[in-house]
Structure formats: C-alpha cells, structure tokens
Amino acid sequence: AGYVPTLNAEQADVLVVNTCGFIEAARRESLETMLGLASGL
C-alpha cells in the first residue's frame, strides 16, 4: 500500500504490536512492550 518499514520505533508514523494472549506471562510481556512504546510516542 506504499508504507515503508523501519526498525526504529522513533522513526515510525504508526507502531503496531502484534500481541500474545495465550497465558498470563505472555500478556504481561505484551503489556510491558506496549506501555514502553506508548511512553515515548
């Protein structure tokens, strides 16, 4: 569609986190990842 990938979250216009919800430990990791990214948006 014309969007360009980047490995640097700070350079991105849109950030996508593909979460895991299988068990509690996986959800905790997903939440920590999302909160970490959200804090720098």
All heavy atoms as atom14 arrays in JSON, in Angstrom:
{
  "sequence": "AGYVPTLNAEQADVLVVNTCGFIEAARRESLETMLGLASGL",
  "atom14_mask": [
    [1, 1, 1, 1, 1, 0, 0, 0, 0, 0, 0, 0, 0, 0],
    [1, 1, 1, 1, 0, 0, 0, 0, 0, 0, 0, 0, 0, 0],
    [1, 1, 1, 1, 1, 1, 1, 1, 1, 1, 1, 1, 0, 0],
    [1, 1, 1, 1, 1, 1, 1, 0, 0, 0, 0, 0, 0, 0],
    [1, 1, 1, 1, 1, 1, 1, 0, 0, 0, 0, 0, 0, 0],
    [1, 1, 1, 1, 1, 1, 1, 0, 0, 0, 0, 0, 0, 0],
    [1, 1, 1, 1, 1, 1, 1, 1, 0, 0, 0, 0, 0, 0],
    [1, 1, 1, 1, 1, 1, 1, 1, 0, 0, 0, 0, 0, 0],
    [1, 1, 1, 1, 1, 0, 0, 0, 0, 0, 0, 0, 0, 0],
    [1, 1, 1, 1, 1, 1, 1, 1, 1, 0, 0, 0, 0, 0],
    [1, 1, 1, 1, 1, 1, 1, 1, 1, 0, 0, 0, 0, 0],
    [1, 1, 1, 1, 1, 0, 0, 0, 0, 0, 0, 0, 0, 0],
    [1, 1, 1, 1, 1, 1, 1, 1, 0, 0, 0, 0, 0, 0],
    [1, 1, 1, 1, 1, 1, 1, 0, 0, 0, 0, 0, 0, 0],
    [1, 1, 1, 1, 1, 1, 1, 1, 0, 0, 0, 0, 0, 0],
    [1, 1, 1, 1, 1, 1, 1, 0, 0, 0, 0, 0, 0, 0],
    [1, 1, 1, 1, 1, 1, 1, 0, 0, 0, 0, 0, 0, 0],
    [1, 1, 1, 1, 1, 1, 1, 1, 0, 0, 0, 0, 0, 0],
    [1, 1, 1, 1, 1, 1, 1, 0, 0, 0, 0, 0, 0, 0],
    [1, 1, 1, 1, 1, 1, 0, 0, 0, 0, 0, 0, 0, 0],
    [1, 1, 1, 1, 0, 0, 0, 0, 0, 0, 0, 0, 0, 0],
    [1, 1, 1, 1, 1, 1, 1, 1, 1, 1, 1, 0, 0, 0],
    [1, 1, 1, 1, 1, 1, 1, 1, 0, 0, 0, 0, 0, 0],
    [1, 1, 1, 1, 1, 1, 1, 1, 1, 0, 0, 0, 0, 0],
    [1, 1, 1, 1, 1, 0, 0, 0, 0, 0, 0, 0, 0, 0],
    [1, 1, 1, 1, 1, 0, 0, 0, 0, 0, 0, 0, 0, 0],
    [1, 1, 1, 1, 1, 1, 1, 1, 1, 1, 1, 0, 0, 0],
    [1, 1, 1, 1, 1, 1, 1, 1, 1, 1, 1, 0, 0, 0],
    [1, 1, 1, 1, 1, 1, 1, 1, 1, 0, 0, 0, 0, 0],
    [1, 1, 1, 1, 1, 1, 0, 0, 0, 0, 0, 0, 0, 0],
    [1, 1, 1, 1, 1, 1, 1, 1, 0, 0, 0, 0, 0, 0],
    [1, 1, 1, 1, 1, 1, 1, 1, 1, 0, 0, 0, 0, 0],
    [1, 1, 1, 1, 1, 1, 1, 0, 0, 0, 0, 0, 0, 0],
    [1, 1, 1, 1, 1, 1, 1, 1, 0, 0, 0, 0, 0, 0],
    [1, 1, 1, 1, 1, 1, 1, 1, 0, 0, 0, 0, 0, 0],
    [1, 1, 1, 1, 0, 0, 0, 0, 0, 0, 0, 0, 0, 0],
    [1, 1, 1, 1, 1, 1, 1, 1, 0, 0, 0, 0, 0, 0],
    [1, 1, 1, 1, 1, 0, 0, 0, 0, 0, 0, 0, 0, 0],
    [1, 1, 1, 1, 1, 1, 0, 0, 0, 0, 0, 0, 0, 0],
    [1, 1, 1, 1, 0, 0, 0, 0, 0, 0, 0, 0, 0, 0],
    [1, 1, 1, 1, 1, 1, 1, 1, 0, 0, 0, 0, 0, 0]
  ],
  "atom14_positions": [
    [[0.82, -1.21, 0.0], [0.0, 0.0, 0.0], [0.85, 1.27, 0.0], [0.29, 2.37, -0.01], [-0.92, 0.0, 1.21], [0.0, 0.0, 0.0], [0.0, 0.0, 0.0], [0.0, 0.0, 0.0], [0.0, 0.0, 0.0], [0.0, 0.0, 0.0], [0.0, 0.0, 0.0], [0.0, 0.0, 0.0], [0.0, 0.0, 0.0], [0.0, 0.0, 0.0]],
    [[2.17, 1.13, 0.04], [3.03, 2.3, -0.04], [3.68, 2.71, 1.26], [4.5, 3.64, 1.28], [0.0, 0.0, 0.0], [0.0, 0.0, 0.0], [0.0, 0.0, 0.0], [0.0, 0.0, 0.0], [0.0, 0.0, 0.0], [0.0, 0.0, 0.0], [0.0, 0.0, 0.0], [0.0, 0.0, 0.0], [0.0, 0.0, 0.0], [0.0, 0.0, 0.0]],
    [[3.35, 2.05, 2.36], [4.02, 2.34, 3.63], [5.4, 1.69, 3.64], [5.62, 0.65, 3.0], [3.18, 1.82, 4.81], [1.88, 2.57, 5.01], [0.71, 2.15, 4.38], [1.82, 3.71, 5.8], [-0.49, 2.83, 4.55], [0.63, 4.39, 6.0], [-0.52, 3.95, 5.36], [-1.7, 4.64, 5.52], [0.0, 0.0, 0.0], [0.0, 0.0, 0.0]],
    [[6.33, 2.27, 4.37], [7.72, 1.84, 4.36], [8.1, 1.31, 5.74], [7.86, 2.0, 6.74], [8.65, 3.01, 3.96], [10.12, 2.58, 4.04], [8.31, 3.49, 2.55], [0.0, 0.0, 0.0], [0.0, 0.0, 0.0], [0.0, 0.0, 0.0], [0.0, 0.0, 0.0], [0.0, 0.0, 0.0], [0.0, 0.0, 0.0], [0.0, 0.0, 0.0]],
    [[8.7, 0.11, 5.84], [9.07, -0.43, 7.15], [10.28, 0.27, 7.74], [11.15, 0.76, 7.02], [9.38, -1.9, 6.85], [9.84, -1.89, 5.42], [9.03, -0.82, 4.74], [0.0, 0.0, 0.0], [0.0, 0.0, 0.0], [0.0, 0.0, 0.0], [0.0, 0.0, 0.0], [0.0, 0.0, 0.0], [0.0, 0.0, 0.0], [0.0, 0.0, 0.0]],
    [[10.34, 0.31, 9.06], [11.5, 0.79, 9.78], [11.72, -0.06, 11.02], [10.75, -0.56, 11.61], [11.36, 2.27, 10.18], [12.52, 2.67, 10.93], [10.13, 2.5, 11.04], [0.0, 0.0, 0.0], [0.0, 0.0, 0.0], [0.0, 0.0, 0.0], [0.0, 0.0, 0.0], [0.0, 0.0, 0.0], [0.0, 0.0, 0.0], [0.0, 0.0, 0.0]],
    [[12.97, -0.24, 11.4], [13.29, -0.99, 12.62], [13.41, -0.07, 13.82], [13.66, -0.52, 14.93], [14.59, -1.77, 12.42], [14.58, -2.84, 11.33], [15.95, -3.49, 11.21], [13.52, -3.89, 11.61], [0.0, 0.0, 0.0], [0.0, 0.0, 0.0], [0.0, 0.0, 0.0], [0.0, 0.0, 0.0], [0.0, 0.0, 0.0], [0.0, 0.0, 0.0]],
    [[13.22, 1.22, 13.6], [13.35, 2.23, 14.65], [11.97, 2.79, 14.98], [11.37, 3.49, 14.17], [14.3, 3.34, 14.2], [14.62, 4.31, 15.32], [13.85, 4.48, 16.26], [15.77, 4.96, 15.22], [0.0, 0.0, 0.0], [0.0, 0.0, 0.0], [0.0, 0.0, 0.0], [0.0, 0.0, 0.0], [0.0, 0.0, 0.0], [0.0, 0.0, 0.0]],
    [[11.47, 2.48, 16.17], [10.13, 2.92, 16.55], [10.01, 4.44, 16.54], [8.95, 4.99, 16.23], [9.76, 2.38, 17.93], [0.0, 0.0, 0.0], [0.0, 0.0, 0.0], [0.0, 0.0, 0.0], [0.0, 0.0, 0.0], [0.0, 0.0, 0.0], [0.0, 0.0, 0.0], [0.0, 0.0, 0.0], [0.0, 0.0, 0.0], [0.0, 0.0, 0.0]],
    [[11.09, 5.15, 16.87], [11.04, 6.61, 16.91], [10.83, 7.2, 15.53], [10.28, 8.3, 15.4], [12.32, 7.15, 17.52], [12.52, 6.8, 18.99], [13.8, 7.38, 19.56], [14.56, 8.02, 18.78], [14.05, 7.19, 20.76], [0.0, 0.0, 0.0], [0.0, 0.0, 0.0], [0.0, 0.0, 0.0], [0.0, 0.0, 0.0], [0.0, 0.0, 0.0]],
    [[11.24, 6.49, 14.48], [11.1, 7.0, 13.12], [9.76, 6.66, 12.5], [9.43, 7.15, 11.42], [12.22, 6.44, 12.24], [13.62, 6.88, 12.64], [14.7, 6.27, 11.77], [14.4, 5.44, 10.89], [15.93, 6.66, 11.99], [0.0, 0.0, 0.0], [0.0, 0.0, 0.0], [0.0, 0.0, 0.0], [0.0, 0.0, 0.0], [0.0, 0.0, 0.0]],
    [[8.98, 5.82, 13.16], [7.74, 5.32, 12.58], [6.6, 6.33, 12.75], [6.52, 7.04, 13.75], [7.35, 3.99, 13.21], [0.0, 0.0, 0.0], [0.0, 0.0, 0.0], [0.0, 0.0, 0.0], [0.0, 0.0, 0.0], [0.0, 0.0, 0.0], [0.0, 0.0, 0.0], [0.0, 0.0, 0.0], [0.0, 0.0, 0.0], [0.0, 0.0, 0.0]],
    [[5.71, 6.35, 11.76], [4.48, 7.12, 11.88], [3.39, 6.3, 12.56], [2.54, 6.85, 13.25], [4.01, 7.57, 10.5], [5.02, 8.49, 9.84], [5.11, 9.66, 10.24], [5.74, 8.02, 8.94], [0.0, 0.0, 0.0], [0.0, 0.0, 0.0], [0.0, 0.0, 0.0], [0.0, 0.0, 0.0], [0.0, 0.0, 0.0], [0.0, 0.0, 0.0]],
    [[3.43, 4.97, 12.35], [2.48, 4.09, 13.0], [3.26, 2.92, 13.6], [4.13, 2.34, 12.95], [1.39, 3.6, 12.03], [1.97, 2.85, 10.84], [0.37, 2.73, 12.76], [0.0, 0.0, 0.0], [0.0, 0.0, 0.0], [0.0, 0.0, 0.0], [0.0, 0.0, 0.0], [0.0, 0.0, 0.0], [0.0, 0.0, 0.0], [0.0, 0.0, 0.0]],
    [[2.94, 2.59, 14.84], [3.56, 1.47, 15.55], [2.5, 0.39, 15.76], [1.38, 0.7, 16.21], [4.13, 1.9, 16.9], [5.4, 2.74, 16.91], [5.14, 4.16, 16.41], [5.99, 2.8, 18.32], [0.0, 0.0, 0.0], [0.0, 0.0, 0.0], [0.0, 0.0, 0.0], [0.0, 0.0, 0.0], [0.0, 0.0, 0.0], [0.0, 0.0, 0.0]],
    [[2.85, -0.85, 15.44], [1.94, -1.98, 15.59], [2.59, -3.0, 16.51], [3.74, -3.42, 16.27], [1.61, -2.64, 14.23], [0.63, -3.8, 14.43], [1.05, -1.61, 13.26], [0.0, 0.0, 0.0], [0.0, 0.0, 0.0], [0.0, 0.0, 0.0], [0.0, 0.0, 0.0], [0.0, 0.0, 0.0], [0.0, 0.0, 0.0], [0.0, 0.0, 0.0]],
    [[1.89, -3.42, 17.56], [2.36, -4.51, 18.42], [1.42, -5.69, 18.21], [0.22, -5.59, 18.5], [2.4, -4.11, 19.9], [2.81, -5.3, 20.76], [3.36, -2.95, 20.12], [0.0, 0.0, 0.0], [0.0, 0.0, 0.0], [0.0, 0.0, 0.0], [0.0, 0.0, 0.0], [0.0, 0.0, 0.0], [0.0, 0.0, 0.0], [0.0, 0.0, 0.0]],
    [[1.97, -6.78, 17.68], [1.19, -8.0, 17.49], [1.3, -8.81, 18.78], [2.31, -9.47, 19.04], [1.7, -8.79, 16.29], [0.68, -9.79, 15.8], [-0.47, -9.78, 16.21], [1.09, -10.67, 14.9], [0.0, 0.0, 0.0], [0.0, 0.0, 0.0], [0.0, 0.0, 0.0], [0.0, 0.0, 0.0], [0.0, 0.0, 0.0], [0.0, 0.0, 0.0]],
    [[0.26, -8.77, 19.59], [0.32, -9.27, 20.96], [0.11, -10.77, 21.04], [-0.46, -11.4, 20.14], [-0.76, -8.6, 21.81], [-2.06, -8.95, 21.27], [-0.61, -7.1, 21.82], [0.0, 0.0, 0.0], [0.0, 0.0, 0.0], [0.0, 0.0, 0.0], [0.0, 0.0, 0.0], [0.0, 0.0, 0.0], [0.0, 0.0, 0.0], [0.0, 0.0, 0.0]],
    [[0.55, -11.34, 22.15], [0.25, -12.73, 22.5], [-0.65, -12.71, 23.74], [-0.37, -12.0, 24.7], [1.53, -13.5, 22.79], [1.24, -15.23, 23.27], [0.0, 0.0, 0.0], [0.0, 0.0, 0.0], [0.0, 0.0, 0.0], [0.0, 0.0, 0.0], [0.0, 0.0, 0.0], [0.0, 0.0, 0.0], [0.0, 0.0, 0.0], [0.0, 0.0, 0.0]],
    [[-1.73, -13.48, 23.71], [-2.64, -13.53, 24.85], [-2.85, -14.91, 25.38], [-3.85, -15.19, 26.05], [0.0, 0.0, 0.0], [0.0, 0.0, 0.0], [0.0, 0.0, 0.0], [0.0, 0.0, 0.0], [0.0, 0.0, 0.0], [0.0, 0.0, 0.0], [0.0, 0.0, 0.0], [0.0, 0.0, 0.0], [0.0, 0.0, 0.0], [0.0, 0.0, 0.0]],
    [[-1.88, -15.82, 25.1], [-2.07, -17.23, 25.41], [-2.1, -17.49, 26.91], [-3.01, -18.14, 27.43], [-0.94, -18.03, 24.75], [-1.02, -19.51, 24.99], [-2.23, -20.19, 24.84], [0.1, -20.23, 25.35], [-2.3, -21.56, 25.06], [0.04, -21.59, 25.57], [-1.17, -22.26, 25.42], [0.0, 0.0, 0.0], [0.0, 0.0, 0.0], [0.0, 0.0, 0.0]],
    [[-1.11, -16.99, 27.64], [-1.05, -17.17, 29.09], [-0.7, -15.85, 29.74], [-0.3, -14.89, 29.07], [-0.03, -18.26, 29.5], [1.37, -17.92, 28.97], [-0.48, -19.63, 29.02], [2.43, -18.91, 29.41], [0.0, 0.0, 0.0], [0.0, 0.0, 0.0], [0.0, 0.0, 0.0], [0.0, 0.0, 0.0], [0.0, 0.0, 0.0], [0.0, 0.0, 0.0]],
    [[-0.79, -15.82, 31.06], [-0.6, -14.57, 31.8], [0.78, -13.98, 31.57], [0.93, -12.77, 31.4], [-0.85, -14.82, 33.29], [-0.98, -13.56, 34.14], [0.36, -12.99, 34.57], [1.3, -13.78, 34.72], [0.46, -11.76, 34.77], [0.0, 0.0, 0.0], [0.0, 0.0, 0.0], [0.0, 0.0, 0.0], [0.0, 0.0, 0.0], [0.0, 0.0, 0.0]],
    [[1.81, -14.82, 31.54], [3.17, -14.32, 31.34], [3.31, -13.66, 29.97], [3.99, -12.62, 29.84], [4.18, -15.46, 31.48], [0.0, 0.0, 0.0], [0.0, 0.0, 0.0], [0.0, 0.0, 0.0], [0.0, 0.0, 0.0], [0.0, 0.0, 0.0], [0.0, 0.0, 0.0], [0.0, 0.0, 0.0], [0.0, 0.0, 0.0], [0.0, 0.0, 0.0]],
    [[2.67, -14.21, 28.96], [2.72, -13.62, 27.62], [1.98, -12.29, 27.58], [2.43, -11.33, 26.94], [2.13, -14.59, 26.6], [0.0, 0.0, 0.0], [0.0, 0.0, 0.0], [0.0, 0.0, 0.0], [0.0, 0.0, 0.0], [0.0, 0.0, 0.0], [0.0, 0.0, 0.0], [0.0, 0.0, 0.0], [0.0, 0.0, 0.0], [0.0, 0.0, 0.0]],
    [[0.85, -12.2, 28.27], [0.12, -10.93, 28.31], [0.93, -9.87, 29.05], [0.93, -8.69, 28.66], [-1.25, -11.14, 28.98], [-2.19, -12.0, 28.16], [-3.62, -11.92, 28.7], [-3.73, -12.49, 30.03], [-3.91, -13.78, 30.28], [-3.98, -14.64, 29.28], [-4.03, -14.22, 31.51], [0.0, 0.0, 0.0], [0.0, 0.0, 0.0], [0.0, 0.0, 0.0]],
    [[1.63, -10.29, 30.1], [2.47, -9.33, 30.83], [3.57, -8.77, 29.93], [3.83, -7.57, 29.93], [3.06, -10.0, 32.06], [3.88, -9.05, 32.93], [4.19, -9.66, 34.3], [4.92, -10.92, 34.19], [4.42, -12.1, 34.51], [3.18, -12.21, 34.94], [5.15, -13.2, 34.38], [0.0, 0.0, 0.0], [0.0, 0.0, 0.0], [0.0, 0.0, 0.0]],
    [[4.18, -9.65, 29.14], [5.21, -9.18, 28.21], [4.62, -8.23, 27.18], [5.21, -7.2, 26.84], [5.87, -10.38, 27.51], [6.95, -9.96, 26.52], [7.46, -11.11, 25.67], [6.83, -12.19, 25.68], [8.5, -10.93, 24.99], [0.0, 0.0, 0.0], [0.0, 0.0, 0.0], [0.0, 0.0, 0.0], [0.0, 0.0, 0.0], [0.0, 0.0, 0.0]],
    [[3.43, -8.57, 26.66], [2.78, -7.71, 25.68], [2.47, -6.35, 26.28], [2.69, -5.31, 25.64], [1.49, -8.37, 25.17], [1.75, -9.55, 24.45], [0.0, 0.0, 0.0], [0.0, 0.0, 0.0], [0.0, 0.0, 0.0], [0.0, 0.0, 0.0], [0.0, 0.0, 0.0], [0.0, 0.0, 0.0], [0.0, 0.0, 0.0], [0.0, 0.0, 0.0]],
    [[1.95, -6.34, 27.51], [1.61, -5.07, 28.16], [2.85, -4.23, 28.39], [2.84, -3.01, 28.13], [0.88, -5.34, 29.47], [0.41, -4.1, 30.24], [-0.59, -3.29, 29.41], [-0.21, -4.5, 31.58], [0.0, 0.0, 0.0], [0.0, 0.0, 0.0], [0.0, 0.0, 0.0], [0.0, 0.0, 0.0], [0.0, 0.0, 0.0], [0.0, 0.0, 0.0]],
    [[3.92, -4.85, 28.88], [5.15, -4.1, 29.13], [5.71, -3.52, 27.84], [6.19, -2.38, 27.82], [6.19, -5.02, 29.79], [5.83, -5.4, 31.23], [6.77, -6.46, 31.8], [7.62, -6.99, 31.03], [6.65, -6.77, 33.0], [0.0, 0.0, 0.0], [0.0, 0.0, 0.0], [0.0, 0.0, 0.0], [0.0, 0.0, 0.0], [0.0, 0.0, 0.0]],
    [[5.64, -4.28, 26.76], [6.11, -3.78, 25.47], [5.29, -2.59, 25.01], [5.84, -1.56, 24.57], [6.05, -4.9, 24.41], [6.89, -5.98, 24.8], [6.49, -4.38, 23.05], [0.0, 0.0, 0.0], [0.0, 0.0, 0.0], [0.0, 0.0, 0.0], [0.0, 0.0, 0.0], [0.0, 0.0, 0.0], [0.0, 0.0, 0.0], [0.0, 0.0, 0.0]],
    [[3.96, -2.7, 25.12], [3.11, -1.61, 24.65], [3.25, -0.37, 25.52], [3.3, 0.76, 25.01], [1.65, -2.08, 24.61], [1.37, -3.04, 23.46], [-0.39, -3.45, 23.26], [-0.6, -4.54, 24.66], [0.0, 0.0, 0.0], [0.0, 0.0, 0.0], [0.0, 0.0, 0.0], [0.0, 0.0, 0.0], [0.0, 0.0, 0.0], [0.0, 0.0, 0.0]],
    [[3.32, -0.56, 26.85], [3.49, 0.6, 27.72], [4.82, 1.3, 27.46], [4.9, 2.53, 27.48], [3.39, 0.17, 29.19], [2.0, -0.23, 29.68], [2.07, -0.79, 31.1], [1.04, 0.95, 29.63], [0.0, 0.0, 0.0], [0.0, 0.0, 0.0], [0.0, 0.0, 0.0], [0.0, 0.0, 0.0], [0.0, 0.0, 0.0], [0.0, 0.0, 0.0]],
    [[5.87, 0.5, 27.2], [7.17, 1.09, 26.91], [7.13, 1.92, 25.64], [7.67, 3.03, 25.59], [0.0, 0.0, 0.0], [0.0, 0.0, 0.0], [0.0, 0.0, 0.0], [0.0, 0.0, 0.0], [0.0, 0.0, 0.0], [0.0, 0.0, 0.0], [0.0, 0.0, 0.0], [0.0, 0.0, 0.0], [0.0, 0.0, 0.0], [0.0, 0.0, 0.0]],
    [[6.49, 1.4, 24.6], [6.4, 2.16, 23.35], [5.49, 3.37, 23.51], [5.78, 4.46, 22.99], [5.87, 1.25, 22.23], [6.83, 0.15, 21.75], [6.11, -0.79, 20.8], [8.05, 0.77, 21.06], [0.0, 0.0, 0.0], [0.0, 0.0, 0.0], [0.0, 0.0, 0.0], [0.0, 0.0, 0.0], [0.0, 0.0, 0.0], [0.0, 0.0, 0.0]],
    [[4.38, 3.19, 24.23], [3.44, 4.3, 24.4], [4.06, 5.47, 25.14], [3.74, 6.64, 24.87], [2.19, 3.81, 25.15], [0.0, 0.0, 0.0], [0.0, 0.0, 0.0], [0.0, 0.0, 0.0], [0.0, 0.0, 0.0], [0.0, 0.0, 0.0], [0.0, 0.0, 0.0], [0.0, 0.0, 0.0], [0.0, 0.0, 0.0], [0.0, 0.0, 0.0]],
    [[4.98, 5.18, 26.06], [5.58, 6.26, 26.85], [6.42, 7.21, 26.01], [6.65, 8.35, 26.4], [6.45, 5.66, 27.97], [7.57, 4.98, 27.44], [0.0, 0.0, 0.0], [0.0, 0.0, 0.0], [0.0, 0.0, 0.0], [0.0, 0.0, 0.0], [0.0, 0.0, 0.0], [0.0, 0.0, 0.0], [0.0, 0.0, 0.0], [0.0, 0.0, 0.0]],
    [[6.9, 6.72, 24.86], [7.74, 7.57, 24.03], [7.06, 8.09, 22.78], [7.72, 8.68, 21.91], [0.0, 0.0, 0.0], [0.0, 0.0, 0.0], [0.0, 0.0, 0.0], [0.0, 0.0, 0.0], [0.0, 0.0, 0.0], [0.0, 0.0, 0.0], [0.0, 0.0, 0.0], [0.0, 0.0, 0.0], [0.0, 0.0, 0.0], [0.0, 0.0, 0.0]],
    [[5.74, 7.91, 22.66], [5.05, 8.33, 21.44], [4.97, 9.85, 21.32], [4.71, 10.56, 22.28], [3.63, 7.76, 21.42], [3.47, 6.26, 21.11], [2.01, 5.88, 21.22], [4.0, 5.94, 19.72], [0.0, 0.0, 0.0], [0.0, 0.0, 0.0], [0.0, 0.0, 0.0], [0.0, 0.0, 0.0], [0.0, 0.0, 0.0], [0.0, 0.0, 0.0]]
  ]
}
